[in-house]
Protein backbone atom coordinates (compact mmCIF):
# COMPACT_ATOMS: atom_id res chain seq x y z
CA ARG A 1 -0.29 0.16 -0.05
CA ASP A 2 1.38 3.30 -0.97
CA PHE A 3 1.34 6.69 0.93
CA ASN A 4 2.36 9.97 1.01
CA GLU A 5 2.30 10.53 -2.80
CA ARG A 6 4.16 7.01 -3.54
CA ASN A 7 6.96 8.09 -1.40
CA THR A 8 6.22 5.97 1.60
CA THR A 9 5.21 2.09 1.20
CA LEU A 10 3.78 -0.72 3.62
CA SER A 11 3.77 -4.03 2.41
CA LEU A 12 2.81 -7.36 4.23
CA SER A 13 3.95 -10.76 3.07
CA LEU A 14 2.89 -14.12 4.33
CA ASN A 15 4.82 -17.45 3.42
CA GLY A 16 4.45 -21.10 3.93
CA GLU A 17 6.86 -24.16 3.60
CA PHE A 18 5.94 -27.69 3.59
CA ASP A 19 8.78 -30.07 2.96
CA ILE A 20 9.02 -33.97 2.82
CA LEU A 21 12.39 -35.71 3.58
CA LYS A 22 13.67 -38.84 2.51
CA PRO A 23 17.28 -39.05 3.68
CA ILE A 24 19.53 -41.40 1.87
CA GLY A 25 19.56 -44.84 3.96
CA GLY A 26 16.63 -43.84 5.76
CA THR A 27 15.83 -41.53 8.95
CA PRO A 28 18.37 -41.80 11.99
CA VAL A 29 16.49 -42.49 15.15
CA ALA A 30 17.48 -39.07 16.99
CA ALA A 31 20.40 -39.88 19.54
CA SER A 32 20.39 -43.32 18.68
CA ASP A 33 23.60 -45.26 18.62
CA TYR A 34 25.14 -45.09 15.22
CA ALA A 35 26.66 -48.28 15.29
CA LEU A 36 23.37 -50.02 15.44
CA PHE A 37 22.37 -48.04 12.45
CA GLU A 38 18.65 -47.41 13.81
CA LYS A 39 16.70 -45.92 10.69
CA THR A 40 13.49 -45.53 9.66
CA THR A 41 12.29 -46.14 6.19
CA ALA A 42 9.32 -43.65 6.57
CA SER A 43 9.29 -39.87 5.06
CA ASP A 44 9.63 -36.88 7.56
CA HIS A 45 8.05 -33.76 7.30
CA LYS A 46 8.99 -30.20 8.31
CA ASN A 47 6.61 -27.50 7.82
CA GLY A 48 6.69 -23.68 8.36
CA ALA A 49 5.04 -20.52 8.30
CA GLY A 50 6.15 -16.97 8.64
CA PHE A 51 5.48 -13.36 7.54
CA ILE A 52 7.45 -10.11 6.59
CA LEU A 53 6.31 -7.09 7.48
CA GLY A 54 8.16 -4.03 5.47
CA LEU A 55 7.97 0.18 5.34
CA THR A 56 9.99 1.52 2.52
CA GLN A 57 10.40 5.50 2.87
CA VAL A 58 12.05 7.92 0.02
CA ILE A 59 14.20 10.23 2.22
CA THR A 60 15.81 12.00 -0.47
CA GLN A 61 15.89 12.34 -4.21
CA HIS A 62 19.28 9.85 -3.90
CA TRP A 63 18.59 7.84 -1.01
CA LEU A 64 15.78 5.03 -0.45
CA THR A 65 15.52 3.35 3.07
CA GLU A 66 13.61 -0.10 3.77
CA LEU A 67 12.69 -1.51 7.42
CA ASN A 68 11.51 -5.24 7.43
CA LEU A 69 10.53 -7.22 10.60
CA SER A 70 9.58 -10.50 10.15
CA ALA A 71 9.00 -13.89 11.97
CA ASP A 72 8.45 -17.58 11.05
CA ARG A 73 7.98 -20.98 13.03
CA PHE A 74 9.27 -24.15 11.85
CA THR A 75 7.68 -27.64 13.15
CA GLY A 76 8.84 -31.11 12.38
CA TYR A 77 11.94 -32.99 11.83
CA LEU A 78 14.54 -30.34 12.09
CA ASN A 79 17.38 -32.57 12.61
CA ASP A 80 20.29 -33.19 10.10
CA PRO A 81 20.11 -37.00 9.20
CA TYR A 82 23.86 -36.71 8.02
CA LYS A 83 25.45 -35.06 11.60
CA ILE A 84 27.11 -37.44 14.31
CA ILE A 85 28.33 -36.35 17.67
CA SER A 86 31.82 -38.24 19.02
CA VAL A 87 31.20 -39.63 22.60
CA ILE A 88 35.11 -39.60 24.30
CA ASP A 89 36.00 -40.68 27.72
CA ALA A 90 37.89 -38.42 30.30
CA VAL A 91 40.93 -38.33 28.13
CA GLY A 92 39.69 -37.57 25.00
CA ASP A 93 39.81 -41.16 23.42
CA PRO A 94 36.26 -42.18 21.28
CA THR A 95 34.30 -44.44 22.58
CA GLY A 96 31.22 -44.11 20.34
CA TYR A 97 28.76 -42.00 18.19
CA LEU A 98 25.40 -40.81 18.52
CA TYR A 99 22.93 -39.08 15.93
CA GLU A 100 22.24 -35.48 16.88
CA ARG A 101 18.82 -34.67 18.12
CA ARG A 102 17.39 -31.04 17.75
CA PRO A 103 13.97 -29.84 18.90
CA THR A 104 11.27 -30.12 16.82
CA GLU A 105 10.40 -26.60 16.84
CA ARG A 106 11.86 -23.55 16.35
CA MET A 107 10.75 -19.67 16.16
CA ARG A 108 12.96 -17.05 14.76
CA ARG A 109 12.38 -13.32 14.66
CA SER A 110 14.77 -10.72 12.87
CA VAL A 111 14.67 -7.06 12.25
CA TYR A 112 16.27 -5.75 9.04
CA LEU A 113 17.37 -2.00 7.73
CA ASP A 114 18.74 -1.40 4.34
CA ASN A 115 19.62 1.85 2.84
CA ARG A 116 19.98 2.78 -0.84
CA ILE A 117 22.27 5.64 -1.84
CA GLY A 118 22.65 6.71 -5.38
CA TRP A 119 24.61 9.28 -7.77
CA SER A 120 24.91 9.16 -11.32
CA ARG A 121 27.84 6.71 -11.66
CA VAL A 122 28.29 5.91 -8.20
CA SER A 123 25.57 3.66 -5.84
CA LEU A 124 25.88 2.55 -2.13
CA ALA A 125 23.62 -0.15 -0.62
CA LEU A 126 24.26 -0.46 3.40
CA SER A 127 22.45 -2.95 5.23
CA GLY A 128 21.78 -4.79 8.94
CA ARG A 129 20.19 -7.87 10.21
CA TYR A 130 19.79 -8.94 13.93
CA MET A 131 17.80 -12.17 14.36
CA SER A 132 16.99 -14.47 17.39
CA ASP A 133 15.30 -17.85 17.94
CA ASP A 134 14.28 -19.87 21.10
CA TRP A 135 17.36 -22.26 20.35
CA GLY A 136 19.65 -19.57 21.89
CA VAL A 137 21.19 -18.47 18.60
CA ARG A 138 21.64 -14.62 18.25
CA SER A 139 23.19 -13.25 14.92
CA TYR A 140 24.38 -9.94 13.55
CA THR A 141 25.19 -9.13 9.65
CA ALA A 142 26.49 -6.04 8.45
CA GLN A 143 26.73 -5.66 4.36
CA ALA A 144 28.01 -2.92 2.30
CA ARG A 145 28.11 -2.87 -1.70
CA VAL A 146 29.57 -0.16 -3.76
CA ARG A 147 28.54 -0.20 -7.58
CA LEU A 148 30.61 1.73 -10.17
CA TRP A 149 29.81 2.62 -13.20
CA SER A 150 31.49 2.95 -16.56
CA SER A 151 31.16 6.15 -18.25
CA GLU A 152 28.80 5.06 -20.82
CA LYS A 153 26.79 3.26 -17.84
CA ASP A 154 26.95 -0.43 -19.87
CA SER A 155 29.08 -2.37 -17.42
CA TYR A 156 29.70 -1.67 -13.56
CA TRP A 157 32.14 -3.04 -10.86
CA GLU A 158 30.63 -4.08 -7.44
CA PRO A 159 33.11 -4.78 -4.36
CA THR A 160 31.42 -6.20 -1.27
CA LEU A 161 32.05 -6.76 2.08
CA ARG A 162 29.82 -8.50 4.54
CA TRP A 163 30.04 -8.99 8.43
CA TYR A 164 28.57 -11.82 10.54
CA ARG A 165 28.67 -12.89 13.86
CA GLN A 166 26.30 -15.59 15.80
CA SER A 167 26.00 -17.18 19.28
CA ALA A 168 25.76 -20.64 19.60
CA ALA A 169 22.26 -22.76 20.04
CA ASP A 170 21.77 -24.00 23.56
CA PHE A 171 22.28 -27.61 22.86
CA TYR A 172 25.66 -26.96 20.70
CA THR A 173 28.61 -29.41 21.72
CA PRO A 174 31.59 -30.24 19.77
CA TRP A 175 31.78 -33.60 21.61
CA LEU A 176 29.98 -35.81 24.75
CA LEU A 177 31.77 -37.37 27.16
CA ASN A 178 30.57 -40.88 27.92
CA THR A 179 29.36 -39.64 31.46
CA SER A 180 26.91 -37.29 30.32
CA GLY A 181 23.80 -39.38 30.59
CA PRO A 182 20.74 -39.76 28.30
CA LEU A 183 21.05 -37.68 25.60
CA SER A 184 18.25 -34.71 25.64
CA PHE A 185 19.03 -32.15 22.68
CA ALA A 186 22.23 -32.19 21.49
CA SER A 187 24.50 -31.00 18.23
CA SER A 188 27.80 -30.71 16.84
CA ASP A 189 27.12 -29.01 13.81
CA GLN A 190 29.33 -25.86 13.30
CA ARG A 191 26.73 -24.27 11.56
CA LEU A 192 24.79 -23.86 15.51
CA SER A 193 27.90 -22.91 16.91
CA ALA A 194 29.29 -19.37 18.00
CA PHE A 195 31.59 -18.05 15.22
CA THR A 196 32.20 -14.57 13.08
CA ALA A 197 32.73 -14.79 9.18
CA LEU A 198 33.50 -12.33 7.07
CA THR A 199 33.07 -12.13 3.02
CA TYR A 200 35.09 -10.60 0.74
CA GLY A 201 33.49 -10.22 -3.22
CA LEU A 202 34.00 -8.57 -6.39
CA LYS A 203 31.16 -8.53 -9.18
CA TYR A 204 31.82 -7.10 -12.78
CA ALA A 205 28.47 -7.04 -14.90
CA MET A 206 28.01 -5.76 -18.20
CA LYS A 207 24.63 -4.85 -20.33
CA ILE A 208 24.00 -7.33 -23.25
CA TYR A 209 20.29 -6.04 -23.73
CA ARG A 210 18.00 -3.99 -22.59
CA THR A 211 17.90 -4.87 -18.82
CA GLN A 212 19.84 -8.12 -19.28
CA GLU A 213 23.18 -8.24 -18.10
CA LEU A 214 26.47 -10.57 -17.99
CA SER A 215 28.47 -11.08 -14.51
CA VAL A 216 31.17 -12.96 -13.15
CA ARG A 217 31.68 -12.74 -9.42
CA PHE A 218 34.38 -13.78 -7.22
CA GLU A 219 33.99 -14.25 -3.04
CA TYR A 220 36.29 -15.25 -0.19
CA TYR A 221 34.58 -16.47 2.99
CA GLN A 222 36.15 -16.70 5.87
CA GLN A 223 35.22 -18.09 9.32
CA THR A 224 36.24 -18.09 13.05
CA GLN A 225 35.26 -20.25 15.60
CA ARG A 226 34.21 -18.25 18.89
CA ASP A 227 33.94 -19.85 22.67
CA ARG A 228 36.48 -23.03 22.07
CA ALA A 229 35.59 -25.80 24.48
CA VAL A 230 38.98 -26.62 26.41
CA ALA A 231 39.83 -30.07 25.02
CA PRO A 232 40.87 -33.21 26.72
CA VAL A 233 44.31 -34.16 26.67
CA ALA A 234 44.17 -36.76 23.91
CA LEU A 235 42.83 -34.03 21.65
CA GLN A 236 45.08 -31.15 22.65
CA ASP A 237 47.43 -31.80 19.71
CA LEU A 238 44.84 -31.45 17.17
CA ASP A 239 43.49 -28.73 14.97
CA LEU A 240 39.77 -28.96 16.37
CA TYR A 241 38.86 -25.63 15.11
CA PRO A 242 40.56 -25.22 11.56
CA GLY A 243 39.86 -21.47 9.56
CA ASP A 244 36.93 -22.47 7.50
CA ARG A 245 37.75 -20.93 4.20
CA LYS A 246 35.79 -20.86 1.03
CA SER A 247 35.99 -19.25 -2.35
């Protein structure tokens, strides 16, 4: 809905997701012993629903800003069927492996702010996002993109820098001690750990026909683990948290 002589726009988006999961080899029984290979052949389901409430405002002739509030809720099978957790003794030697177990519900909330500023041959995009969920994950994202047009405006360069930081889920653990007792919720998936990440990017694009363009982009991703657990004796000589880099 547009207001204020079309300088203000209010939007509402609703979305739904219905997934059927059929892992190769069957669905592992959550928290079961990996060696027993306890799996079911039945498919599992994951359902989600959410909304995005957005406000876009023209600030000046060269400045446009957008604010989004969003929330979504997922229920069903939220495990990763291919993730296992090492079970170790007090020294650090492995004694077994378990399939991970995550809660069957997840509620996420986020706020997103985006600013676009443009001139004749240069434009700037600055955005920030905060997200929290009921698993204990809190994330912060900041991104900057600069677009530099050629004098004929038929091609451009676009360098990008993205910074990301998150806290760990309440049930994240790199390993389990064999004295931990029955497993409630636990996952060693590093995507649920506490880490900081930087992404450096460079894009080149050229127009080929009206609104169509041909582009090539290079990116370098570097992830740094935070809140590292104190390793037992047998693991102290191993690089348990290698820098995760991806181009």
